[in-house]
Amino acid sequence: MKTIKDIMTREVDYCTILDNSYEAALKMKEKDVGVIPVVNESGAIEGIITDRDIAIRGVASKRPGSSRITEIMTKNVITATPDMTVEEAEELMSEAQIRRLPVIDNGKLAGIVALKDLAVHRETDLAAGMALKAISEDRGEIQQ
């Protein structure tokens, strides 16, 4: 059974609690992502900021780009651990209706799992299952 550490993205860009919303938006643009974890000085996750947070809590609320990231980020972050099964992560994401799940190891950000990671995992499992079925099918008698 695969675990989160098998499919997570390990190199995750992040912001710190000292950054502002403009810096978060710039990182999103540079990395072509819609979410950036926010960590404190020790690397522990404090929140997560999404492009939607910037649009709704920032721009639409008439906050300047210099607004502290902590003013607009989502603070109650649902997280996973590296040893969590893929199925457990899928269930957690489904229940919480989230698309990305930060992975925490020893209290620090270790990676992130996105819906696309789960989809790739499912496609791989489906392809492997189909191959196993084809290999296992009764081929009749062995020719000598």
N, C-alpha and C. Protein backbone atom coordinates (compact mmCIF):
# COMPACT_ATOMS: atom_id res chain seq x y z
N MET A 1 0.84 -1.18 0.00
CA MET A 1 0.00 0.00 0.00
C MET A 1 0.89 1.25 0.00
N LYS A 2 0.63 2.15 -0.94
CA LYS A 2 1.44 3.35 -1.05
C LYS A 2 1.09 4.35 0.03
N THR A 3 2.11 5.08 0.43
CA THR A 3 1.93 6.14 1.43
C THR A 3 2.14 7.49 0.77
N ILE A 4 1.83 8.53 1.51
CA ILE A 4 1.98 9.89 1.01
C ILE A 4 3.43 10.18 0.60
N LYS A 5 4.39 9.66 1.36
CA LYS A 5 5.80 9.95 1.02
C LYS A 5 6.17 9.41 -0.36
N ASP A 6 5.41 8.43 -0.87
CA ASP A 6 5.68 7.86 -2.19
C ASP A 6 5.22 8.75 -3.32
N ILE A 7 4.25 9.62 -3.07
CA ILE A 7 3.69 10.42 -4.17
C ILE A 7 3.78 11.93 -3.97
N MET A 8 4.20 12.38 -2.78
CA MET A 8 4.20 13.82 -2.49
C MET A 8 5.30 14.55 -3.26
N THR A 9 5.08 15.83 -3.46
CA THR A 9 6.09 16.71 -4.01
C THR A 9 6.94 17.16 -2.83
N ARG A 10 8.23 16.91 -2.90
CA ARG A 10 9.11 17.19 -1.76
C ARG A 10 9.67 18.62 -1.76
N GLU A 11 9.96 19.13 -2.92
CA GLU A 11 10.52 20.48 -2.99
C GLU A 11 9.38 21.48 -3.15
N VAL A 12 8.97 22.04 -2.02
CA VAL A 12 7.85 22.96 -1.99
C VAL A 12 8.35 24.35 -1.62
N ASP A 13 8.01 25.32 -2.46
CA ASP A 13 8.35 26.70 -2.12
C ASP A 13 7.37 27.16 -1.04
N TYR A 14 7.80 28.04 -0.19
CA TYR A 14 6.97 28.51 0.91
C TYR A 14 7.23 29.97 1.18
N CYS A 15 6.33 30.56 1.93
CA CYS A 15 6.51 31.93 2.42
C CYS A 15 6.68 31.83 3.93
N THR A 16 7.18 32.90 4.52
CA THR A 16 7.28 32.96 5.97
C THR A 16 6.21 33.93 6.48
N ILE A 17 6.01 33.91 7.76
CA ILE A 17 5.02 34.79 8.37
C ILE A 17 5.41 36.27 8.26
N LEU A 18 6.65 36.53 7.85
CA LEU A 18 7.11 37.90 7.68
C LEU A 18 6.85 38.45 6.28
N ASP A 19 6.46 37.58 5.34
CA ASP A 19 6.22 38.00 3.96
C ASP A 19 4.88 38.74 3.83
N ASN A 20 4.70 39.40 2.68
CA ASN A 20 3.44 40.08 2.42
C ASN A 20 2.72 39.40 1.25
N SER A 21 1.49 39.85 0.98
CA SER A 21 0.68 39.19 -0.04
C SER A 21 1.27 39.35 -1.44
N TYR A 22 1.94 40.46 -1.71
CA TYR A 22 2.58 40.64 -3.01
C TYR A 22 3.68 39.59 -3.22
N GLU A 23 4.49 39.35 -2.21
CA GLU A 23 5.56 38.36 -2.31
C GLU A 23 4.99 36.96 -2.55
N ALA A 24 3.86 36.65 -1.91
CA ALA A 24 3.21 35.36 -2.11
C ALA A 24 2.71 35.24 -3.54
N ALA A 25 2.07 36.29 -4.04
CA ALA A 25 1.56 36.28 -5.41
C ALA A 25 2.69 36.13 -6.42
N LEU A 26 3.80 36.79 -6.16
CA LEU A 26 4.96 36.70 -7.05
C LEU A 26 5.52 35.28 -7.08
N LYS A 27 5.61 34.63 -5.93
CA LYS A 27 6.07 33.23 -5.88
C LYS A 27 5.12 32.32 -6.65
N MET A 28 3.82 32.58 -6.50
CA MET A 28 2.83 31.78 -7.24
C MET A 28 3.03 31.93 -8.74
N LYS A 29 3.28 33.14 -9.17
CA LYS A 29 3.50 33.40 -10.59
C LYS A 29 4.76 32.72 -11.08
N GLU A 30 5.85 32.88 -10.34
CA GLU A 30 7.14 32.29 -10.73
C GLU A 30 7.10 30.77 -10.77
N LYS A 31 6.39 30.15 -9.84
CA LYS A 31 6.34 28.69 -9.74
C LYS A 31 5.14 28.10 -10.46
N ASP A 32 4.24 28.96 -10.94
CA ASP A 32 3.01 28.52 -11.62
C ASP A 32 2.19 27.60 -10.71
N VAL A 33 1.95 28.07 -9.49
CA VAL A 33 1.16 27.32 -8.51
C VAL A 33 0.05 28.22 -7.96
N GLY A 34 -0.94 27.62 -7.35
CA GLY A 34 -2.04 28.38 -6.78
C GLY A 34 -2.07 28.38 -5.28
N VAL A 35 -1.04 27.79 -4.67
CA VAL A 35 -1.00 27.71 -3.21
C VAL A 35 0.45 27.73 -2.73
N ILE A 36 0.66 28.39 -1.61
CA ILE A 36 1.98 28.45 -0.99
C ILE A 36 1.80 28.24 0.52
N PRO A 37 2.47 27.24 1.09
CA PRO A 37 2.43 27.09 2.55
C PRO A 37 3.15 28.27 3.22
N VAL A 38 2.72 28.59 4.42
CA VAL A 38 3.34 29.67 5.20
C VAL A 38 3.91 29.04 6.47
N VAL A 39 5.21 29.26 6.69
CA VAL A 39 5.87 28.65 7.85
C VAL A 39 6.45 29.73 8.76
N ASN A 40 6.71 29.33 10.01
CA ASN A 40 7.35 30.25 10.96
C ASN A 40 8.86 30.05 10.92
N GLU A 41 9.56 30.70 11.84
CA GLU A 41 11.03 30.67 11.85
C GLU A 41 11.60 29.26 12.00
N SER A 42 10.87 28.38 12.67
CA SER A 42 11.37 27.02 12.88
C SER A 42 10.94 26.03 11.79
N GLY A 43 10.20 26.52 10.80
CA GLY A 43 9.77 25.65 9.70
C GLY A 43 8.43 24.97 9.92
N ALA A 44 7.78 25.29 11.03
CA ALA A 44 6.45 24.71 11.30
C ALA A 44 5.40 25.49 10.50
N ILE A 45 4.41 24.79 10.01
CA ILE A 45 3.39 25.44 9.20
C ILE A 45 2.47 26.29 10.07
N GLU A 46 2.24 27.51 9.62
CA GLU A 46 1.37 28.46 10.32
C GLU A 46 0.07 28.66 9.55
N GLY A 47 0.13 28.43 8.26
CA GLY A 47 -1.04 28.64 7.42
C GLY A 47 -0.73 28.27 5.99
N ILE A 48 -1.67 28.61 5.14
CA ILE A 48 -1.50 28.37 3.71
C ILE A 48 -2.17 29.53 3.00
N ILE A 49 -1.56 29.99 1.92
CA ILE A 49 -2.16 31.09 1.18
C ILE A 49 -2.42 30.62 -0.25
N THR A 50 -3.64 30.88 -0.70
CA THR A 50 -4.03 30.47 -2.04
C THR A 50 -4.24 31.71 -2.90
N ASP A 51 -4.30 31.49 -4.20
CA ASP A 51 -4.60 32.60 -5.10
C ASP A 51 -5.98 33.17 -4.78
N ARG A 52 -6.87 32.31 -4.33
CA ARG A 52 -8.21 32.76 -3.92
C ARG A 52 -8.14 33.64 -2.67
N ASP A 53 -7.29 33.28 -1.70
CA ASP A 53 -7.11 34.12 -0.51
C ASP A 53 -6.66 35.52 -0.92
N ILE A 54 -5.72 35.58 -1.84
CA ILE A 54 -5.21 36.89 -2.29
C ILE A 54 -6.32 37.68 -2.98
N ALA A 55 -7.10 37.00 -3.83
CA ALA A 55 -8.17 37.68 -4.55
C ALA A 55 -9.29 38.15 -3.62
N ILE A 56 -9.75 37.26 -2.73
CA ILE A 56 -10.92 37.58 -1.89
C ILE A 56 -10.56 38.39 -0.65
N ARG A 57 -9.60 37.87 0.13
CA ARG A 57 -9.25 38.56 1.38
C ARG A 57 -8.30 39.73 1.16
N GLY A 58 -7.62 39.74 0.02
CA GLY A 58 -6.69 40.81 -0.27
C GLY A 58 -7.28 41.86 -1.19
N VAL A 59 -7.26 41.57 -2.48
CA VAL A 59 -7.67 42.55 -3.49
C VAL A 59 -9.13 42.99 -3.32
N ALA A 60 -10.06 42.04 -3.22
CA ALA A 60 -11.48 42.39 -3.11
C ALA A 60 -11.81 43.10 -1.80
N SER A 61 -10.95 42.92 -0.80
CA SER A 61 -11.14 43.62 0.47
C SER A 61 -10.33 44.91 0.52
N LYS A 62 -9.79 45.30 -0.63
CA LYS A 62 -9.04 46.55 -0.80
C LYS A 62 -7.80 46.64 0.09
N ARG A 63 -7.16 45.49 0.32
CA ARG A 63 -5.91 45.50 1.08
C ARG A 63 -4.75 45.66 0.10
N PRO A 64 -3.75 46.44 0.47
CA PRO A 64 -2.61 46.64 -0.43
C PRO A 64 -1.73 45.38 -0.50
N GLY A 65 -0.91 45.32 -1.53
CA GLY A 65 0.03 44.20 -1.70
C GLY A 65 1.02 44.09 -0.56
N SER A 66 1.17 45.16 0.18
CA SER A 66 2.09 45.15 1.32
C SER A 66 1.47 44.56 2.59
N SER A 67 0.21 44.11 2.48
CA SER A 67 -0.45 43.51 3.66
C SER A 67 0.29 42.26 4.09
N ARG A 68 0.42 42.11 5.39
CA ARG A 68 1.10 40.92 5.92
C ARG A 68 0.35 39.67 5.49
N ILE A 69 1.11 38.67 5.15
CA ILE A 69 0.54 37.41 4.69
C ILE A 69 -0.37 36.79 5.74
N THR A 70 -0.05 37.02 7.01
CA THR A 70 -0.84 36.45 8.10
C THR A 70 -2.25 37.05 8.17
N GLU A 71 -2.46 38.21 7.53
CA GLU A 71 -3.78 38.84 7.53
C GLU A 71 -4.73 38.21 6.54
N ILE A 72 -4.21 37.53 5.52
CA ILE A 72 -5.09 36.99 4.49
C ILE A 72 -4.97 35.48 4.29
N MET A 73 -4.00 34.85 4.93
CA MET A 73 -3.82 33.41 4.75
C MET A 73 -4.91 32.62 5.47
N THR A 74 -5.06 31.37 5.08
CA THR A 74 -5.94 30.44 5.77
C THR A 74 -5.14 29.87 6.93
N LYS A 75 -5.67 29.97 8.13
CA LYS A 75 -4.88 29.60 9.32
C LYS A 75 -5.10 28.17 9.80
N ASN A 76 -6.29 27.65 9.70
CA ASN A 76 -6.57 26.30 10.17
C ASN A 76 -6.29 25.31 9.04
N VAL A 77 -5.05 24.89 8.95
CA VAL A 77 -4.61 24.05 7.84
C VAL A 77 -4.74 22.57 8.20
N ILE A 78 -5.35 21.84 7.31
CA ILE A 78 -5.44 20.40 7.45
C ILE A 78 -4.18 19.82 6.81
N THR A 79 -3.51 18.94 7.53
CA THR A 79 -2.23 18.41 7.05
C THR A 79 -2.22 16.88 7.06
N ALA A 80 -1.21 16.34 6.41
CA ALA A 80 -0.99 14.90 6.37
C ALA A 80 0.38 14.61 6.94
N THR A 81 0.64 13.33 7.16
CA THR A 81 1.97 12.88 7.56
C THR A 81 2.51 11.98 6.45
N PRO A 82 3.82 11.84 6.33
CA PRO A 82 4.39 11.02 5.26
C PRO A 82 3.95 9.56 5.29
N ASP A 83 3.65 9.05 6.47
CA ASP A 83 3.28 7.63 6.57
C ASP A 83 1.78 7.38 6.39
N MET A 84 1.00 8.42 6.16
CA MET A 84 -0.44 8.27 5.90
C MET A 84 -0.61 7.56 4.56
N THR A 85 -1.59 6.68 4.46
CA THR A 85 -1.82 5.99 3.19
C THR A 85 -2.46 6.96 2.19
N VAL A 86 -2.29 6.65 0.93
CA VAL A 86 -2.89 7.47 -0.12
C VAL A 86 -4.41 7.50 0.05
N GLU A 87 -4.98 6.37 0.40
CA GLU A 87 -6.43 6.29 0.60
C GLU A 87 -6.89 7.18 1.75
N GLU A 88 -6.11 7.22 2.83
CA GLU A 88 -6.45 8.09 3.96
C GLU A 88 -6.39 9.56 3.54
N ALA A 89 -5.40 9.91 2.75
CA ALA A 89 -5.27 11.28 2.27
C ALA A 89 -6.43 11.65 1.36
N GLU A 90 -6.81 10.73 0.47
CA GLU A 90 -7.95 10.97 -0.41
C GLU A 90 -9.22 11.23 0.40
N GLU A 91 -9.44 10.43 1.42
CA GLU A 91 -10.62 10.58 2.26
C GLU A 91 -10.59 11.92 2.99
N LEU A 92 -9.43 12.27 3.54
CA LEU A 92 -9.28 13.53 4.27
C LEU A 92 -9.55 14.72 3.35
N MET A 93 -8.99 14.68 2.15
CA MET A 93 -9.18 15.77 1.20
C MET A 93 -10.64 15.87 0.76
N SER A 94 -11.26 14.73 0.58
CA SER A 94 -12.67 14.70 0.17
C SER A 94 -13.56 15.27 1.27
N GLU A 95 -13.35 14.84 2.50
CA GLU A 95 -14.16 15.32 3.62
C GLU A 95 -14.00 16.82 3.84
N ALA A 96 -12.77 17.30 3.71
CA ALA A 96 -12.48 18.72 3.96
C ALA A 96 -12.69 19.57 2.70
N GLN A 97 -12.94 18.93 1.58
CA GLN A 97 -13.11 19.60 0.29
C GLN A 97 -11.93 20.52 -0.03
N ILE A 98 -10.73 19.93 0.03
CA ILE A 98 -9.52 20.68 -0.29
C ILE A 98 -8.79 20.00 -1.44
N ARG A 99 -7.99 20.77 -2.15
CA ARG A 99 -7.27 20.27 -3.33
C ARG A 99 -5.80 19.99 -3.07
N ARG A 100 -5.30 20.54 -1.97
CA ARG A 100 -3.88 20.37 -1.64
C ARG A 100 -3.74 20.08 -0.16
N LEU A 101 -2.77 19.24 0.15
CA LEU A 101 -2.59 18.79 1.53
C LEU A 101 -1.11 18.88 1.88
N PRO A 102 -0.74 19.88 2.72
CA PRO A 102 0.65 19.96 3.16
C PRO A 102 1.02 18.72 3.98
N VAL A 103 2.25 18.27 3.82
CA VAL A 103 2.74 17.09 4.53
C VAL A 103 3.72 17.55 5.59
N ILE A 104 3.46 17.15 6.83
CA ILE A 104 4.27 17.58 7.97
C ILE A 104 5.01 16.38 8.54
N ASP A 105 6.32 16.53 8.72
CA ASP A 105 7.15 15.48 9.32
C ASP A 105 7.97 16.11 10.44
N ASN A 106 7.87 15.55 11.63
CA ASN A 106 8.56 16.09 12.81
C ASN A 106 8.27 17.57 13.02
N GLY A 107 7.01 17.95 12.79
CA GLY A 107 6.58 19.32 13.04
C GLY A 107 6.95 20.32 11.97
N LYS A 108 7.58 19.87 10.87
CA LYS A 108 8.01 20.79 9.82
C LYS A 108 7.44 20.39 8.47
N LEU A 109 7.32 21.38 7.59
CA LEU A 109 6.84 21.15 6.24
C LEU A 109 7.80 20.22 5.50
N ALA A 110 7.28 19.09 5.00
CA ALA A 110 8.11 18.10 4.30
C ALA A 110 7.73 17.95 2.84
N GLY A 111 6.55 18.43 2.48
CA GLY A 111 6.09 18.28 1.11
C GLY A 111 4.63 18.69 0.99
N ILE A 112 4.06 18.37 -0.17
CA ILE A 112 2.65 18.68 -0.40
C ILE A 112 2.10 17.64 -1.37
N VAL A 113 0.84 17.30 -1.18
CA VAL A 113 0.13 16.39 -2.07
C VAL A 113 -1.03 17.16 -2.66
N ALA A 114 -1.16 17.09 -3.99
CA ALA A 114 -2.25 17.75 -4.68
C ALA A 114 -3.15 16.71 -5.32
N LEU A 115 -4.33 17.15 -5.72
CA LEU A 115 -5.26 16.24 -6.39
C LEU A 115 -4.61 15.57 -7.60
N LYS A 116 -3.77 16.31 -8.32
CA LYS A 116 -3.11 15.72 -9.50
C LYS A 116 -2.22 14.55 -9.11
N ASP A 117 -1.58 14.63 -7.94
CA ASP A 117 -0.74 13.53 -7.47
C ASP A 117 -1.58 12.28 -7.23
N LEU A 118 -2.77 12.48 -6.65
CA LEU A 118 -3.67 11.37 -6.39
C LEU A 118 -4.20 10.79 -7.70
N ALA A 119 -4.47 11.66 -8.66
CA ALA A 119 -4.98 11.20 -9.95
C ALA A 119 -3.93 10.37 -10.68
N VAL A 120 -2.68 10.82 -10.66
CA VAL A 120 -1.59 10.06 -11.29
C VAL A 120 -1.44 8.71 -10.61
N HIS A 121 -1.53 8.70 -9.28
CA HIS A 121 -1.45 7.45 -8.52
C HIS A 121 -2.56 6.50 -8.94
N ARG A 122 -3.78 7.01 -9.07
CA ARG A 122 -4.93 6.19 -9.47
C ARG A 122 -4.74 5.64 -10.88
N GLU A 123 -4.27 6.48 -11.79
CA GLU A 123 -4.04 6.03 -13.17
C GLU A 123 -3.00 4.92 -13.21
N THR A 124 -1.95 5.07 -12.43
CA THR A 124 -0.89 4.06 -12.36
C THR A 124 -1.45 2.76 -11.80
N ASP A 125 -2.24 2.85 -10.73
CA ASP A 125 -2.85 1.66 -10.14
C ASP A 125 -3.80 0.99 -11.12
N LEU A 126 -4.58 1.80 -11.86
CA LEU A 126 -5.52 1.25 -12.82
C LEU A 126 -4.77 0.54 -13.95
N ALA A 127 -3.71 1.17 -14.46
CA ALA A 127 -2.93 0.56 -15.52
C ALA A 127 -2.28 -0.74 -15.04
N ALA A 128 -1.76 -0.73 -13.83
CA ALA A 128 -1.14 -1.94 -13.28
C ALA A 128 -2.18 -3.04 -13.10
N GLY A 129 -3.37 -2.66 -12.64
CA GLY A 129 -4.44 -3.63 -12.47
C GLY A 129 -4.88 -4.24 -13.79
N MET A 130 -4.97 -3.42 -14.82
CA MET A 130 -5.36 -3.91 -16.14
C MET A 130 -4.29 -4.85 -16.70
N ALA A 131 -3.04 -4.49 -16.49
CA ALA A 131 -1.94 -5.35 -16.96
C ALA A 131 -1.97 -6.68 -16.23
N LEU A 132 -2.18 -6.63 -14.92
CA LEU A 132 -2.24 -7.86 -14.13
C LEU A 132 -3.39 -8.74 -14.59
N LYS A 133 -4.52 -8.12 -14.88
CA LYS A 133 -5.68 -8.87 -15.36
C LYS A 133 -5.35 -9.55 -16.68
N ALA A 134 -4.74 -8.80 -17.60
CA ALA A 134 -4.39 -9.36 -18.91
C ALA A 134 -3.39 -10.49 -18.78
N ILE A 135 -2.43 -10.33 -17.88
CA ILE A 135 -1.41 -11.36 -17.68
C ILE A 135 -2.03 -12.61 -17.05
N SER A 136 -3.00 -12.40 -16.17
CA SER A 136 -3.60 -13.49 -15.41
C SER A 136 -4.72 -14.22 -16.15
N GLU A 137 -5.20 -13.67 -17.26
CA GLU A 137 -6.30 -14.29 -17.98
C GLU A 137 -5.92 -15.70 -18.43
N ASP A 138 -6.89 -16.56 -18.46
CA ASP A 138 -6.68 -17.93 -18.92
C ASP A 138 -6.38 -17.90 -20.41
N ARG A 139 -5.24 -18.38 -20.78
CA ARG A 139 -4.82 -18.39 -22.17
C ARG A 139 -5.00 -19.74 -22.83
N GLY A 140 -5.69 -20.63 -22.14
CA GLY A 140 -5.87 -21.97 -22.70
C GLY A 140 -4.72 -22.86 -22.33
N GLU A 141 -4.60 -23.94 -23.02
CA GLU A 141 -3.54 -24.90 -22.72
C GLU A 141 -2.20 -24.39 -23.21
N ILE A 142 -1.16 -24.82 -22.54
CA ILE A 142 0.20 -24.46 -22.91
C ILE A 142 0.60 -25.32 -24.11
N GLN A 143 1.10 -24.68 -25.13
CA GLN A 143 1.57 -25.41 -26.32
C GLN A 143 2.97 -25.96 -26.08
N GLN A 144 3.19 -27.15 -26.51
CA GLN A 144 4.54 -27.74 -26.35
C GLN A 144 5.21 -27.91 -27.65
